[in-house]
Protein backbone atom coordinates (compact mmCIF):
# COMPACT_ATOMS: atom_id res chain seq x y z
CA MET A 1 64.48 -133.64 151.17
CA SER A 2 66.78 -134.57 148.67
CA LEU A 3 68.61 -138.34 149.35
CA ALA A 4 71.80 -136.13 150.49
CA ASP A 5 69.36 -135.02 153.29
CA TYR A 6 68.67 -138.63 154.34
CA GLN A 7 72.26 -139.52 154.20
CA ALA A 8 73.18 -137.11 156.68
CA LEU A 9 70.36 -137.86 158.78
CA LEU A 10 71.01 -141.09 159.10
CA PRO A 11 74.37 -140.81 161.32
CA ARG A 12 72.48 -138.24 163.37
CA LEU A 13 69.73 -140.58 164.33
CA VAL A 14 71.49 -143.54 164.77
CA ARG A 15 74.79 -141.96 166.58
CA GLU A 16 76.79 -145.31 166.10
CA GLN A 17 80.24 -144.02 167.68
CA ALA A 18 82.51 -147.10 166.76
CA SER A 19 82.78 -146.58 162.79
CA HIS A 20 80.70 -149.73 162.09
CA VAL A 21 78.67 -147.92 159.93
CA THR A 22 79.33 -147.30 156.27
CA SER A 23 77.86 -144.57 153.69
CA SER A 24 76.73 -147.65 151.70
CA ASP A 25 75.38 -149.26 155.02
CA ILE A 26 73.29 -145.78 154.85
CA ASP A 27 72.60 -145.96 151.65
CA ARG A 28 71.54 -150.06 151.56
CA VAL A 29 69.19 -148.94 154.24
CA ILE A 30 67.62 -145.62 152.87
CA ALA A 31 67.13 -147.82 149.68
CA SER A 32 64.65 -150.39 151.75
CA ALA A 33 63.27 -147.85 153.76
CA VAL A 34 61.77 -146.24 150.15
CA ARG A 35 60.87 -150.07 149.01
CA GLN A 36 58.92 -150.84 152.00
CA TYR A 37 56.87 -147.05 152.05
CA SER A 38 56.12 -148.17 148.29
CA GLU A 39 54.23 -151.28 150.13
CA ASP A 40 52.67 -149.24 152.05
CA VAL A 41 52.12 -145.92 150.74
CA PRO A 42 52.19 -146.62 146.92
CA ARG A 43 52.53 -143.92 144.98
CA GLN A 44 49.54 -143.47 142.53
CA LEU A 45 50.22 -142.22 138.70
CA VAL A 46 47.89 -140.88 135.97
CA ARG A 47 48.43 -141.37 132.78
CA ASP A 48 46.67 -140.61 128.92
CA PHE A 49 48.15 -143.24 126.93
CA THR A 50 47.47 -144.61 123.04
CA TRP A 51 46.34 -147.73 122.16
CA ASP A 52 49.03 -148.72 119.92
CA THR A 53 47.44 -151.68 117.85
CA ALA A 54 43.92 -152.69 117.00
CA GLY A 55 42.51 -155.14 119.15
CA PHE A 56 43.08 -156.75 123.19
CA ILE A 57 46.09 -156.53 123.70
CA SER A 58 49.19 -153.75 123.49
CA THR A 59 52.54 -154.36 122.99
CA THR A 60 53.52 -150.81 124.98
CA VAL A 61 52.66 -149.73 128.58
CA PRO A 62 53.16 -146.28 130.22
CA THR A 63 55.63 -144.84 131.53
CA ASP A 64 56.20 -145.80 135.23
CA LEU A 65 53.73 -148.66 135.36
CA THR A 66 55.61 -152.01 136.02
CA GLU A 67 54.08 -155.89 136.77
CA HIS A 68 54.27 -154.52 140.14
CA SER A 69 51.99 -152.10 139.38
CA VAL A 70 48.20 -152.36 141.00
CA ILE A 71 45.81 -150.85 138.02
CA LEU A 72 43.24 -148.65 139.80
CA GLN A 73 40.74 -148.24 136.86
CA ALA A 74 41.09 -147.36 132.80
CA GLU A 75 39.26 -144.51 132.05
CA TYR A 76 37.62 -145.09 128.19
CA PRO A 77 36.62 -143.07 126.19
CA VAL A 78 37.87 -140.24 128.06
CA GLY A 79 35.92 -137.48 129.65
CA GLN A 80 32.98 -139.27 129.93
CA GLN A 81 30.31 -138.04 132.76
CA PRO A 82 29.81 -140.40 134.73
CA ALA A 83 33.19 -142.08 133.57
CA SER A 84 32.88 -144.97 131.17
CA LEU A 85 35.67 -147.23 132.13
CA VAL A 86 37.15 -150.66 131.27
CA GLY A 87 38.88 -153.35 132.63
CA LEU A 88 42.65 -154.13 132.05
CA LEU A 89 45.66 -155.56 133.68
CA GLN A 90 49.39 -156.01 132.57
CA TYR A 91 49.50 -159.11 130.19
CA VAL A 92 53.07 -160.70 130.90
CA THR A 93 54.77 -162.53 128.22
CA GLU A 94 58.70 -163.64 128.10
CA GLY A 95 59.22 -160.40 125.81
CA PRO A 96 58.26 -157.02 127.42
CA LEU A 97 55.23 -155.98 129.55
CA GLY A 98 52.01 -155.33 127.58
CA LEU A 99 48.40 -154.29 128.19
CA LEU A 100 45.20 -156.57 127.93
CA CYS A 101 42.00 -155.01 127.81
CA GLU A 102 38.80 -156.52 128.31
CA THR A 103 37.46 -154.83 124.91
CA SER A 104 38.86 -155.05 121.77
CA LEU A 105 39.79 -151.01 121.05
CA PRO A 106 41.07 -149.56 118.05
CA ALA A 107 44.46 -148.53 117.15
CA GLY A 108 45.19 -144.91 118.36
CA ALA A 109 42.38 -145.14 121.51
CA LEU A 110 43.45 -143.20 124.35
CA LEU A 111 43.22 -144.52 127.58
CA ARG A 112 43.41 -142.33 130.96
CA ILE A 113 45.02 -145.26 133.29
CA THR A 114 45.26 -145.15 137.11
CA PHE A 115 47.83 -147.27 138.72
CA THR A 116 50.23 -147.21 141.92
CA ALA A 117 53.92 -146.92 141.47
CA GLU A 118 57.25 -147.08 143.65
CA HIS A 119 58.22 -144.07 144.62
CA GLU A 120 61.13 -143.03 144.04
CA LEU A 121 64.40 -140.70 145.72
CA VAL A 122 67.66 -140.35 143.78
CA GLN A 123 70.20 -137.76 143.22
CA GLY A 124 72.43 -137.36 139.59
CA THR A 125 71.97 -134.41 137.79
CA THR A 126 68.10 -134.98 137.65
CA PRO A 127 67.10 -135.70 141.78
CA LYS A 128 63.96 -136.58 142.22
CA ASP A 129 61.91 -137.10 145.58
CA THR A 130 58.42 -138.54 145.51
CA ILE A 131 57.92 -139.08 149.02
CA PRO A 132 55.06 -136.15 150.52
CA ALA A 133 56.87 -134.08 152.70
CA LYS A 134 54.52 -135.28 155.89
CA HIS A 135 55.98 -138.73 155.42
CA ARG A 136 59.80 -138.03 155.33
CA ASP A 137 60.07 -138.21 159.00
CA GLY A 138 59.05 -141.78 158.86
CA VAL A 139 60.72 -143.13 156.23
CA ALA A 140 63.90 -141.75 157.46
CA ALA A 141 62.87 -143.25 160.42
CA TYR A 142 62.41 -146.67 159.38
CA ALA A 143 66.10 -146.11 158.02
CA ALA A 144 67.00 -146.10 160.98
CA HIS A 145 65.08 -148.83 162.68
CA LEU A 146 67.09 -151.23 159.90
CA LEU A 147 70.34 -150.00 161.30
CA CYS A 148 70.02 -149.66 164.65
CA ARG A 149 68.56 -153.47 164.25
CA GLU A 150 71.57 -154.41 162.45
CA LEU A 151 74.05 -152.84 165.20
CA ALA A 152 72.32 -154.87 167.44
CA THR A 153 73.01 -158.19 165.95
CA LEU A 154 76.21 -156.49 165.57
CA TYR A 155 76.83 -156.17 169.33
CA SER A 156 74.88 -159.35 170.16
CA ALA A 157 77.15 -160.90 168.61
CA GLU A 158 80.67 -159.74 169.96
CA ARG A 159 79.38 -159.61 173.46
CA GLU A 160 79.27 -164.11 172.76
CA SER A 161 83.08 -163.66 171.74
CA SER A 162 84.38 -161.11 174.15
CA ILE A 163 85.77 -161.49 177.54
CA ALA A 164 83.48 -160.90 180.57
CA ALA A 165 84.55 -157.73 181.61
CA ASP A 166 83.41 -156.57 178.13
CA GLY A 167 80.74 -158.55 177.09
CA SER A 168 78.86 -156.39 179.56
CA ASN A 169 79.25 -153.64 177.96
CA SER A 170 78.38 -155.47 174.65
CA GLU A 171 74.78 -156.52 175.93
CA SER A 172 73.98 -153.14 176.84
CA ARG A 173 75.66 -151.67 173.51
CA ALA A 174 73.21 -154.72 171.94
CA ARG A 175 70.29 -154.22 174.20
CA ASN A 176 70.07 -150.62 173.48
CA TYR A 177 70.24 -150.94 169.38
CA ALA A 178 67.32 -153.24 169.94
CA PHE A 179 65.12 -150.91 172.09
CA ARG A 180 65.94 -148.05 169.42
CA ALA A 181 65.36 -150.15 166.84
CA ARG A 182 61.54 -150.76 168.20
CA GLU A 183 61.27 -147.11 168.58
CA PHE A 184 62.27 -146.02 165.43
CA ARG A 185 59.90 -148.79 163.50
CA SER A 186 57.08 -147.39 165.87
CA ALA A 187 57.48 -144.14 164.59
CA TYR A 188 57.52 -145.23 161.03
CA TYR A 189 54.32 -146.51 161.75
CA ALA A 190 52.78 -144.22 163.64
CA THR A 191 53.82 -141.40 161.05
CA ILE A 192 52.02 -143.14 158.30
CA GLY A 193 48.94 -143.98 160.31
CA VAL A 194 49.43 -147.57 159.67
CA ALA A 195 49.69 -150.57 162.00
CA ASP A 196 52.67 -152.07 162.49
CA PRO A 197 52.44 -155.80 161.86
CA MET A 198 54.82 -156.82 164.48
CA ALA A 199 53.81 -154.74 167.44
CA SER A 200 52.70 -156.12 170.35
CA GLY A 201 49.12 -157.18 170.32
CA THR A 202 48.61 -157.63 166.62
CA GLY A 203 50.58 -161.30 165.70
CA GLY A 204 49.95 -164.28 166.63
CA ASN A 205 52.95 -164.45 168.49
CA SER A 206 52.55 -161.79 170.61
CA ALA A 207 52.33 -162.37 174.74
CA SER A 208 49.41 -160.35 174.53
CA SER A 209 47.56 -162.65 172.47
CA ALA A 210 48.27 -165.62 173.64
CA THR A 211 46.04 -168.28 175.42
CA GLY A 212 47.03 -169.06 179.09
CA ALA A 213 46.98 -172.62 179.74
CA GLY A 214 45.08 -171.83 183.46
CA ALA A 215 41.57 -170.55 183.62
CA VAL A 216 39.85 -168.55 186.83
CA VAL A 217 36.20 -169.23 187.12
CA SER A 218 33.82 -169.12 190.04
CA TRP A 219 32.15 -172.04 191.69
CA GLY A 220 28.34 -171.13 192.25
CA SER A 221 27.44 -171.10 196.52
CA ARG A 222 25.92 -173.79 198.17
CA ALA A 223 23.95 -174.29 201.54
CA ARG A 224 25.68 -174.63 204.42
CA PRO A 225 23.45 -175.80 206.99
CA SER A 226 25.83 -176.22 209.60
CA TRP A 227 25.56 -172.38 209.90
CA ARG A 228 22.86 -171.29 207.57
CA THR A 229 19.10 -172.75 208.67
CA ASN A 230 17.16 -170.21 206.43
CA ASP A 231 19.06 -171.42 203.26
CA ALA A 232 15.75 -172.02 200.51
CA GLY A 233 15.28 -175.66 199.77
CA VAL A 234 17.83 -176.91 202.39
CA ASN A 235 16.62 -180.27 204.24
CA GLU A 236 16.73 -180.25 207.94
CA LEU A 237 19.56 -183.09 208.77
């Protein structure tokens, strides 16, 4: 699905009739949804990389590897069975990003590096969509969640400043958009198979996880010699 497909889908999901949602709003929430998806389900890339200088440090990095990437493994030499792995991480300085290896490598050494990267959803002359087809509806749902949350906030603010006759209508729209925002958010996490960190019962502030101030206890029975004369251990009065 291209970026244009997401741009066309969002208005149909949100169905906002008052023209409060602009095309720039749609582009913004789509970009935010892609970033969130990249956090929850990062893309994994494998790059064969040539070490540029003999030693522990390379002053260049593979394409798409950034300081936010997680290096999952680095294979050197390539093609060994079982795989021969070396420790590798980003070398961050004031200059360009580099790589730091636990082993001194010769110039021209070939490494096979597996790392995470953000997903891409771009149009332009070379459109690109790295989001798997099975998760595209979920990403669209997260973008719709962001729009509905903003609309709920908008109508809540309108209610505060409107007259009583209009206030009830604004309150209803705010409540409905807030409910739809929660539904879209739940749909996103259900699609990607990840627990929603803000879902009821999973957070420290959720009502279901709160401990009540009172408690119900069951008191042990006691003998009542006034009417139970066969209780063991009861003294005669």
